[in-house]
């Protein structure tokens, strides 16, 4: 338990503030003043919880509060950018444009104004060049610049959603049809806190250098307790055989303390299985990314898991509660589900090819750590998939979906 504040009853509003800091990127004073001041009023207690439990830093400025969440391991889904719960970035170029934009607005003063055409010029100036390749010129105005304009529009919409920019005049969407279209923007005071500060960025030459730096920090500055909490709160599921020895040792000795700590300070439920740990939300807010969710893909995943259990053989699962499926086997199962459940499916899923369905399901399984890709033809299904399975139940009057 947390030394010093463990014996005090945690107020419900403080528990709510802790949950919001875990689930949100940041909380701004002008957008959510009540929550902002709630955190400031309980700053000592909240900071102590995050410091002692995760070794996380809670940043509090005049404009915002932000919990600096650092993962133990990087996953592809951590880089997803969304606007209105829809994936916003579609190309690698989108991410490059984002960082060029950040470099540009970082040099602007608070409330400085600049135009879309200024941003276009800055992206060309900041766009990474290689000594081994021909100079890259970003085209905006010609027809060939159409995809670049769409990419920049996606980045700008994301920047607006994250409150890095505000539009002063004109509409961003008009840039898609006209490369000369201009929009007036203003920088917000939140920009300096958007990216975490790293000490050794100039020594990095590639992504592997970054991941090694993260691994080194996780080894040198935090122990098994903090690594386990970070994984439990940032990853969908934690499997015992993927934990380090010190993480496993901590859980063996302090399982009940972890369970009590989570319940007391967050209100989440901590579930322990034979081979995995899962954190479960008891209070759901509209728009959150959860499993299972009320959408077609999530329902299909539940049915897929149910079908695997319904048709399991004694030799299906390995000792570690995993099973291997080929791409062809996944397509066959999905074809079976389409025949039996297709009337419940949305139009878009009904119209997908077997390969499109397989890719949607496989991506979902991997992102939620319900599966690993062994190679480009084989997937290893993990036991976490089977915590919740689904089927469609029928009665005489109507057919109800029970998932």
Protein backbone atom coordinates (compact mmCIF):
# COMPACT_ATOMS: atom_id res chain seq x y z
CA UNK A 1 0.00 0.00 0.00
CA UNK A 2 1.04 3.61 -0.36
CA UNK A 3 3.00 4.84 2.60
CA UNK A 4 1.67 7.92 4.34
CA UNK A 5 -1.79 8.08 2.77
CA UNK A 6 -2.75 4.40 2.83
CA UNK A 7 -4.77 4.67 6.00
CA UNK A 8 -6.94 7.58 4.90
CA UNK A 9 -10.23 7.08 3.14
CA UNK A 10 -9.93 8.27 -0.45
CA UNK A 11 -12.66 10.70 -1.39
CA UNK A 12 -14.81 9.75 -4.36
CA UNK A 13 -13.93 12.94 -6.23
CA UNK A 14 -10.19 12.27 -5.77
CA UNK A 15 -10.69 8.76 -7.11
CA UNK A 16 -12.50 10.27 -10.10
CA UNK A 17 -9.62 12.70 -10.67
CA UNK A 18 -7.10 9.83 -10.63
CA UNK A 19 -9.15 7.90 -13.19
CA UNK A 20 -9.41 10.94 -15.46
CA UNK A 21 -5.66 11.52 -15.34
CA UNK A 22 -5.03 7.88 -16.27
CA UNK A 23 -7.54 7.88 -19.13
CA UNK A 24 -6.98 11.33 -20.60
CA UNK A 25 -4.02 12.89 -22.41
CA UNK A 26 -4.37 16.11 -20.39
CA UNK A 27 -6.98 18.29 -18.69
CA UNK A 28 -7.11 21.99 -19.53
CA UNK A 29 -8.22 24.74 -17.18
CA UNK A 30 -10.29 26.62 -19.74
CA UNK A 31 -12.05 23.46 -20.91
CA UNK A 32 -12.68 21.66 -17.62
CA UNK A 33 -12.12 24.10 -14.81
CA UNK A 34 -13.94 22.07 -12.16
CA UNK A 35 -11.79 18.98 -12.72
CA UNK A 36 -8.63 21.06 -13.09
CA UNK A 37 -9.14 22.74 -9.68
CA UNK A 38 -10.18 19.46 -8.08
CA UNK A 39 -6.78 18.05 -9.02
CA UNK A 40 -4.96 21.19 -7.85
CA UNK A 41 -6.78 21.13 -4.52
CA UNK A 42 -5.70 17.51 -3.96
CA UNK A 43 -2.31 17.81 -5.61
CA UNK A 44 -0.24 16.34 -2.78
CA UNK A 45 -2.32 13.20 -2.42
CA UNK A 46 -2.66 12.56 -6.16
CA UNK A 47 1.04 13.19 -6.86
CA UNK A 48 1.98 10.81 -4.06
CA UNK A 49 -0.18 8.05 -5.54
CA UNK A 50 1.29 8.32 -9.03
CA UNK A 51 4.86 8.74 -7.78
CA UNK A 52 4.81 5.78 -5.40
CA UNK A 53 2.74 3.45 -7.58
CA UNK A 54 4.07 4.16 -11.08
CA UNK A 55 6.98 6.60 -10.71
CA UNK A 56 4.93 8.87 -12.98
CA UNK A 57 5.29 12.64 -13.02
CA UNK A 58 2.19 14.78 -12.65
CA UNK A 59 2.63 18.10 -14.47
CA UNK A 60 0.54 21.00 -13.18
CA UNK A 61 0.75 24.40 -14.85
CA UNK A 62 -1.46 27.47 -14.90
CA UNK A 63 -3.14 26.13 -18.04
CA UNK A 64 -3.34 22.35 -17.63
CA UNK A 65 -2.62 19.15 -15.73
CA UNK A 66 -1.04 16.17 -17.42
CA UNK A 67 0.05 12.78 -16.17
CA UNK A 68 3.20 11.81 -18.06
CA UNK A 69 2.48 8.16 -18.82
CA UNK A 70 5.48 6.11 -19.96
CA UNK A 71 4.94 2.53 -21.19
CA UNK A 72 7.19 -0.41 -20.44
CA UNK A 73 6.86 -1.72 -23.99
CA UNK A 74 5.88 0.03 -27.21
CA UNK A 75 2.95 -1.23 -29.30
CA UNK A 76 1.79 -0.09 -32.72
CA UNK A 77 -1.64 0.91 -31.41
CA UNK A 78 -0.06 3.44 -29.06
CA UNK A 79 0.68 5.62 -32.07
CA UNK A 80 -2.91 5.78 -33.26
CA UNK A 81 -4.31 9.28 -33.73
CA UNK A 82 -8.07 9.71 -33.63
CA UNK A 83 -10.62 12.46 -34.26
CA UNK A 84 -14.18 11.78 -33.11
CA UNK A 85 -13.23 8.15 -32.34
CA UNK A 86 -12.17 7.57 -35.94
CA UNK A 87 -8.61 6.81 -37.00
CA UNK A 88 -7.21 10.08 -38.28
CA UNK A 89 -3.73 9.25 -39.56
CA UNK A 90 -3.55 6.95 -42.57
CA UNK A 91 -0.01 7.32 -43.89
CA UNK A 92 3.49 7.48 -42.44
CA UNK A 93 3.64 10.92 -44.06
CA UNK A 94 0.92 12.09 -41.65
CA UNK A 95 3.22 11.51 -38.67
CA UNK A 96 6.12 13.26 -40.41
CA UNK A 97 3.89 16.26 -41.13
CA UNK A 98 2.76 16.31 -37.50
CA UNK A 99 6.30 16.58 -36.17
CA UNK A 100 7.18 19.21 -38.75
CA UNK A 101 4.15 21.18 -37.59
CA UNK A 102 5.19 20.78 -33.95
CA UNK A 103 8.68 22.02 -34.73
CA UNK A 104 7.16 25.07 -36.42
CA UNK A 105 4.69 26.05 -33.71
CA UNK A 106 7.21 25.33 -30.93
CA UNK A 107 9.06 28.42 -32.10
CA UNK A 108 5.96 30.59 -31.97
CA UNK A 109 5.03 32.72 -28.98
CA UNK A 110 1.82 32.34 -27.05
CA UNK A 111 -1.18 33.55 -29.06
CA UNK A 112 1.02 34.08 -32.14
CA UNK A 113 -0.94 33.91 -35.39
CA UNK A 114 0.21 32.32 -38.65
CA UNK A 115 -1.32 31.05 -41.86
CA UNK A 116 -1.78 27.66 -43.48
CA UNK A 117 0.63 28.73 -46.21
CA UNK A 118 3.22 29.48 -43.48
CA UNK A 119 2.74 25.92 -42.25
CA UNK A 120 3.23 24.53 -45.76
CA UNK A 121 6.51 26.40 -46.09
CA UNK A 122 7.63 25.20 -42.65
CA UNK A 123 6.88 21.56 -43.47
CA UNK A 124 9.10 21.81 -46.52
CA UNK A 125 11.85 23.37 -44.39
CA UNK A 126 11.60 20.80 -41.57
CA UNK A 127 10.89 17.72 -43.72
CA UNK A 128 13.68 15.17 -43.10
CA UNK A 129 16.18 14.84 -45.93
CA UNK A 130 18.72 12.11 -46.58
CA UNK A 131 22.27 12.61 -47.79
CA UNK A 132 21.93 9.40 -49.79
CA UNK A 133 18.77 10.35 -51.67
CA UNK A 134 17.54 13.11 -53.91
CA UNK A 135 16.16 16.18 -52.15
CA UNK A 136 12.46 15.75 -51.29
CA UNK A 137 10.21 18.60 -52.38
CA UNK A 138 6.70 18.71 -50.91
CA UNK A 139 4.23 19.71 -53.61
CA UNK A 140 0.98 21.38 -52.51
CA UNK A 141 -0.57 23.26 -55.41
CA UNK A 142 -0.46 20.93 -58.39
CA UNK A 143 -2.81 17.99 -58.78
CA UNK A 144 -0.05 15.67 -57.60
CA UNK A 145 -0.12 17.55 -54.29
CA UNK A 146 -3.68 16.44 -53.56
CA UNK A 147 -2.63 13.57 -51.28
CA UNK A 148 -0.24 15.90 -49.44
CA UNK A 149 -3.06 18.37 -48.87
CA UNK A 150 -5.34 15.60 -47.51
CA UNK A 151 -2.53 14.44 -45.24
CA UNK A 152 -1.98 17.93 -43.86
CA UNK A 153 -5.72 18.40 -43.32
CA UNK A 154 -5.76 15.23 -41.21
CA UNK A 155 -2.83 16.52 -39.16
CA UNK A 156 -4.41 19.94 -38.65
CA UNK A 157 -7.71 18.41 -37.53
CA UNK A 158 -5.80 16.32 -35.00
CA UNK A 159 -3.92 19.43 -33.80
CA UNK A 160 -7.24 21.22 -33.34
CA UNK A 161 -8.69 18.29 -31.42
CA UNK A 162 -5.65 18.26 -29.12
CA UNK A 163 -5.98 22.06 -28.62
CA UNK A 164 -2.56 22.81 -30.07
CA UNK A 165 -4.11 25.24 -32.55
CA UNK A 166 -7.28 27.27 -32.93
CA UNK A 167 -8.72 28.50 -36.23
CA UNK A 168 -9.09 32.27 -36.39
CA UNK A 169 -10.45 32.59 -39.93
CA UNK A 170 -11.51 30.40 -42.90
CA UNK A 171 -12.05 26.63 -43.19
CA UNK A 172 -9.40 23.90 -43.29
CA UNK A 173 -11.44 21.63 -45.57
CA UNK A 174 -11.26 24.09 -48.48
CA UNK A 175 -7.52 23.38 -48.72
CA UNK A 176 -8.33 19.95 -50.21
CA UNK A 177 -9.61 21.46 -53.47
CA UNK A 178 -7.33 24.50 -53.61
CA UNK A 179 -3.63 24.38 -52.79
CA UNK A 180 -3.53 28.20 -52.57
CA UNK A 181 -6.32 28.35 -49.96
CA UNK A 182 -5.24 29.98 -46.72
CA UNK A 183 -6.41 29.68 -43.12
CA UNK A 184 -5.41 31.81 -40.14
CA UNK A 185 -4.36 29.89 -37.01
CA UNK A 186 -3.32 30.78 -33.49
CA UNK A 187 -1.01 28.80 -31.24
CA UNK A 188 -2.29 27.78 -27.80
CA UNK A 189 -0.35 27.75 -24.51
CA UNK A 190 -0.53 23.93 -24.36
CA UNK A 191 2.10 23.28 -27.03
CA UNK A 192 5.18 23.08 -24.72
CA UNK A 193 3.63 20.19 -22.76
CA UNK A 194 2.50 18.11 -25.72
CA UNK A 195 5.72 16.14 -26.20
CA UNK A 196 7.62 14.61 -23.35
CA UNK A 197 11.12 16.01 -22.84
CA UNK A 198 13.95 13.54 -23.45
CA UNK A 199 17.55 14.15 -22.50
CA UNK A 200 19.33 12.16 -25.19
CA UNK A 201 17.34 12.71 -28.39
CA UNK A 202 20.36 14.03 -30.32
CA UNK A 203 22.11 10.68 -29.83
CA UNK A 204 19.28 8.78 -31.51
CA UNK A 205 19.69 7.81 -35.14
CA UNK A 206 16.65 5.57 -35.56
CA UNK A 207 13.63 4.05 -33.84
CA UNK A 208 15.71 1.25 -32.28
CA UNK A 209 17.76 3.86 -30.40
CA UNK A 210 14.55 5.25 -28.93
CA UNK A 211 13.27 1.82 -27.82
CA UNK A 212 16.64 1.01 -26.25
CA UNK A 213 16.51 4.28 -24.35
CA UNK A 214 13.05 3.40 -23.07
CA UNK A 215 14.16 -0.07 -22.03
CA UNK A 216 17.19 1.35 -20.23
CA UNK A 217 15.02 3.84 -18.33
CA UNK A 218 12.64 1.07 -17.31
CA UNK A 219 15.56 -0.96 -15.99
CA UNK A 220 17.51 1.78 -14.21
CA UNK A 221 14.90 4.10 -12.72
CA UNK A 222 11.95 1.89 -11.77
CA UNK A 223 11.57 -1.53 -10.15
CA UNK A 224 9.29 -4.53 -10.68
CA UNK A 225 6.41 -2.91 -8.84
CA UNK A 226 6.33 0.18 -11.03
CA UNK A 227 6.80 -1.80 -14.23
CA UNK A 228 3.91 -4.09 -13.36
CA UNK A 229 1.56 -1.18 -12.59
CA UNK A 230 2.57 0.58 -15.81
CA UNK A 231 1.86 -2.53 -17.85
CA UNK A 232 -1.42 -3.26 -16.10
CA UNK A 233 -2.78 0.25 -16.66
CA UNK A 234 -1.43 0.86 -20.19
CA UNK A 235 -1.67 -2.59 -21.78
CA UNK A 236 -4.94 -4.45 -22.44
CA UNK A 237 -3.81 -7.62 -20.63
CA UNK A 238 -0.65 -8.79 -18.86
CA UNK A 239 0.36 -12.43 -19.27
CA UNK A 240 2.44 -14.09 -16.58
CA UNK A 241 4.94 -15.57 -19.03
CA UNK A 242 5.60 -12.09 -20.49
CA UNK A 243 6.56 -10.60 -17.13
CA UNK A 244 10.11 -10.24 -15.86
CA UNK A 245 11.24 -12.17 -12.79
CA UNK A 246 11.10 -9.15 -10.50
CA UNK A 247 7.59 -8.29 -11.74
CA UNK A 248 6.45 -11.85 -11.03
CA UNK A 249 8.14 -11.82 -7.64
CA UNK A 250 6.41 -8.57 -6.69
CA UNK A 251 3.00 -9.99 -7.61
CA UNK A 252 3.58 -13.20 -5.68
CA UNK A 253 4.37 -11.25 -2.52
CA UNK A 254 1.96 -8.32 -2.82
CA UNK A 255 -1.03 -9.52 -4.83
CA UNK A 256 -3.60 -8.51 -2.18
CA UNK A 257 -1.95 -5.12 -1.70
CA UNK A 258 -2.19 -4.49 -5.45
CA UNK A 259 -5.85 -5.48 -5.50
CA UNK A 260 -6.66 -3.20 -2.56
CA UNK A 261 -4.60 -0.32 -3.94
CA UNK A 262 -6.37 -0.41 -7.32
CA UNK A 263 -9.81 -0.61 -5.76
CA UNK A 264 -9.10 2.15 -3.26
CA UNK A 265 -7.55 4.73 -5.56
CA UNK A 266 -9.18 4.07 -8.93
CA UNK A 267 -12.38 2.10 -8.46
CA UNK A 268 -11.29 -0.36 -11.18
CA UNK A 269 -11.51 -4.10 -10.64
CA UNK A 270 -8.35 -6.19 -10.71
CA UNK A 271 -8.86 -9.69 -12.09
CA UNK A 272 -6.29 -12.43 -11.66
CA UNK A 273 -6.35 -15.57 -13.77
CA UNK A 274 -4.08 -18.61 -13.90
CA UNK A 275 -1.92 -17.09 -16.60
CA UNK A 276 -2.88 -13.41 -16.87
CA UNK A 277 -3.93 -10.18 -15.13
CA UNK A 278 -6.65 -7.84 -16.36
CA UNK A 279 -7.90 -4.41 -15.27
CA UNK A 280 -11.66 -3.93 -15.65
CA UNK A 281 -13.61 -0.69 -15.69
CA UNK A 282 -16.81 -0.58 -13.66
CA UNK A 283 -17.89 2.87 -14.92
CA UNK A 284 -18.03 3.43 -18.67
CA UNK A 285 -18.07 6.79 -20.45
CA UNK A 286 -19.35 7.20 -24.01
CA UNK A 287 -16.57 7.29 -26.58
CA UNK A 288 -14.00 5.28 -24.60
CA UNK A 289 -11.98 2.58 -26.33
CA UNK A 290 -13.02 -0.61 -24.55
CA UNK A 291 -13.40 -4.32 -25.14
CA UNK A 292 -16.05 -5.47 -25.61
CA UNK A 293 -17.62 -2.42 -27.23
CA UNK A 294 -20.97 -1.76 -28.85
CA UNK A 295 -19.83 -2.06 -32.45
CA UNK A 296 -19.86 -4.67 -35.18
CA UNK A 297 -16.18 -5.56 -35.05
CA UNK A 298 -16.23 -6.11 -31.29
CA UNK A 299 -19.31 -8.32 -31.64
CA UNK A 300 -17.59 -10.32 -34.35
CA UNK A 301 -14.55 -10.84 -32.11
CA UNK A 302 -16.81 -12.21 -29.36
CA UNK A 303 -18.44 -14.60 -31.82
CA UNK A 304 -15.05 -15.61 -33.20
CA UNK A 305 -13.88 -16.45 -29.66
CA UNK A 306 -17.11 -18.31 -28.96
CA UNK A 307 -16.73 -20.37 -32.13
CA UNK A 308 -13.19 -21.38 -31.16
CA UNK A 309 -14.39 -22.59 -27.76
CA UNK A 310 -17.43 -24.36 -29.17
CA UNK A 311 -15.27 -26.34 -31.60
CA UNK A 312 -12.18 -26.89 -29.49
CA UNK A 313 -10.48 -30.27 -29.37
CA UNK A 314 -8.45 -31.68 -26.51
CA UNK A 315 -5.25 -30.98 -28.40
CA UNK A 316 -6.27 -27.52 -29.63
CA UNK A 317 -4.62 -25.48 -26.88
CA UNK A 318 -0.99 -25.67 -25.88
CA UNK A 319 0.31 -25.90 -22.33
CA UNK A 320 0.42 -22.09 -22.17
CA UNK A 321 -3.24 -21.82 -23.22
CA UNK A 322 -2.41 -20.66 -26.73
CA UNK A 323 -3.38 -22.01 -30.12
CA UNK A 324 -2.06 -21.43 -33.60
CA UNK A 325 -4.34 -20.57 -36.51
CA UNK A 326 -3.38 -20.08 -40.13
CA UNK A 327 -4.83 -17.24 -42.17
CA UNK A 328 -6.84 -19.81 -44.10
CA UNK A 329 -8.31 -21.23 -40.88
CA UNK A 330 -9.32 -17.75 -39.71
CA UNK A 331 -11.00 -17.07 -43.05
CA UNK A 332 -12.84 -20.40 -42.82
CA UNK A 333 -14.15 -19.59 -39.33
CA UNK A 334 -15.27 -16.13 -40.44
CA UNK A 335 -17.02 -17.63 -43.47
CA UNK A 336 -18.88 -19.99 -41.13
CA UNK A 337 -19.91 -17.08 -38.90
CA UNK A 338 -21.06 -15.09 -41.92
CA UNK A 339 -23.31 -17.94 -42.98
CA UNK A 340 -24.81 -18.39 -39.51
CA UNK A 341 -24.88 -14.76 -38.26
CA UNK A 342 -24.76 -12.64 -41.41
CA UNK A 343 -28.28 -11.29 -40.89
CA UNK A 344 -27.00 -9.57 -37.74
CA UNK A 345 -24.03 -7.97 -39.47
CA UNK A 346 -23.78 -4.39 -40.63
CA UNK A 347 -23.83 -3.70 -44.36
CA UNK A 348 -20.14 -2.80 -44.50
CA UNK A 349 -19.12 -6.11 -42.91
CA UNK A 350 -21.45 -8.10 -45.14
CA UNK A 351 -19.76 -6.57 -48.17
CA UNK A 352 -16.18 -7.24 -47.03
CA UNK A 353 -14.15 -9.93 -48.76
CA UNK A 354 -12.86 -12.86 -46.71
CA UNK A 355 -9.37 -11.31 -46.75
CA UNK A 356 -10.67 -7.92 -45.57
CA UNK A 357 -12.54 -9.61 -42.72
CA UNK A 358 -9.47 -11.60 -41.74
CA UNK A 359 -7.31 -8.48 -41.65
CA UNK A 360 -9.86 -6.58 -39.53
CA UNK A 361 -10.12 -9.44 -37.03
CA UNK A 362 -6.36 -10.09 -36.91
CA UNK A 363 -5.52 -6.41 -36.34
CA UNK A 364 -8.07 -6.25 -33.51
CA UNK A 365 -6.71 -9.40 -31.85
CA UNK A 366 -3.10 -8.19 -32.01
CA UNK A 367 -3.91 -4.67 -30.80
CA UNK A 368 -5.75 -6.02 -27.76
CA UNK A 369 -2.96 -8.55 -27.04
CA UNK A 370 -5.34 -11.42 -27.71
CA UNK A 371 -2.96 -12.75 -30.35
CA UNK A 372 0.60 -12.52 -31.67
CA UNK A 373 1.71 -12.71 -35.28
CA UNK A 374 4.07 -15.67 -35.66
CA UNK A 375 4.69 -14.91 -39.33
CA UNK A 376 2.70 -13.50 -42.25
CA UNK A 377 0.63 -16.70 -42.48
CA UNK A 378 0.11 -17.75 -38.85
CA UNK A 379 -1.43 -16.19 -35.74
CA UNK A 380 -1.06 -17.41 -32.15
CA UNK A 381 -4.29 -16.93 -30.20
CA UNK A 382 -3.84 -16.18 -26.47
CA UNK A 383 -6.12 -17.02 -23.57
CA UNK A 384 -7.14 -13.42 -22.96
CA UNK A 385 -9.48 -13.63 -25.95
CA UNK A 386 -11.67 -16.11 -24.09
CA UNK A 387 -12.42 -14.02 -21.01
CA UNK A 388 -15.62 -12.87 -22.77
CA UNK A 389 -17.16 -14.78 -25.65
CA UNK A 390 -20.48 -14.31 -27.41
CA UNK A 391 -23.30 -15.93 -29.28
CA UNK A 392 -26.63 -14.88 -30.73
CA UNK A 393 -29.70 -16.05 -28.82
CA UNK A 394 -33.16 -16.31 -30.37
CA UNK A 395 -36.69 -16.39 -29.00
CA UNK A 396 -40.07 -16.87 -30.65
CA UNK A 397 -40.90 -13.18 -30.98
CA UNK A 398 -37.65 -11.63 -32.07
CA UNK A 399 -33.96 -12.30 -32.33
CA UNK A 400 -31.87 -10.60 -29.70
CA UNK A 401 -28.13 -10.22 -29.76
CA UNK A 402 -26.64 -11.47 -26.52
CA UNK A 403 -22.96 -10.66 -26.40
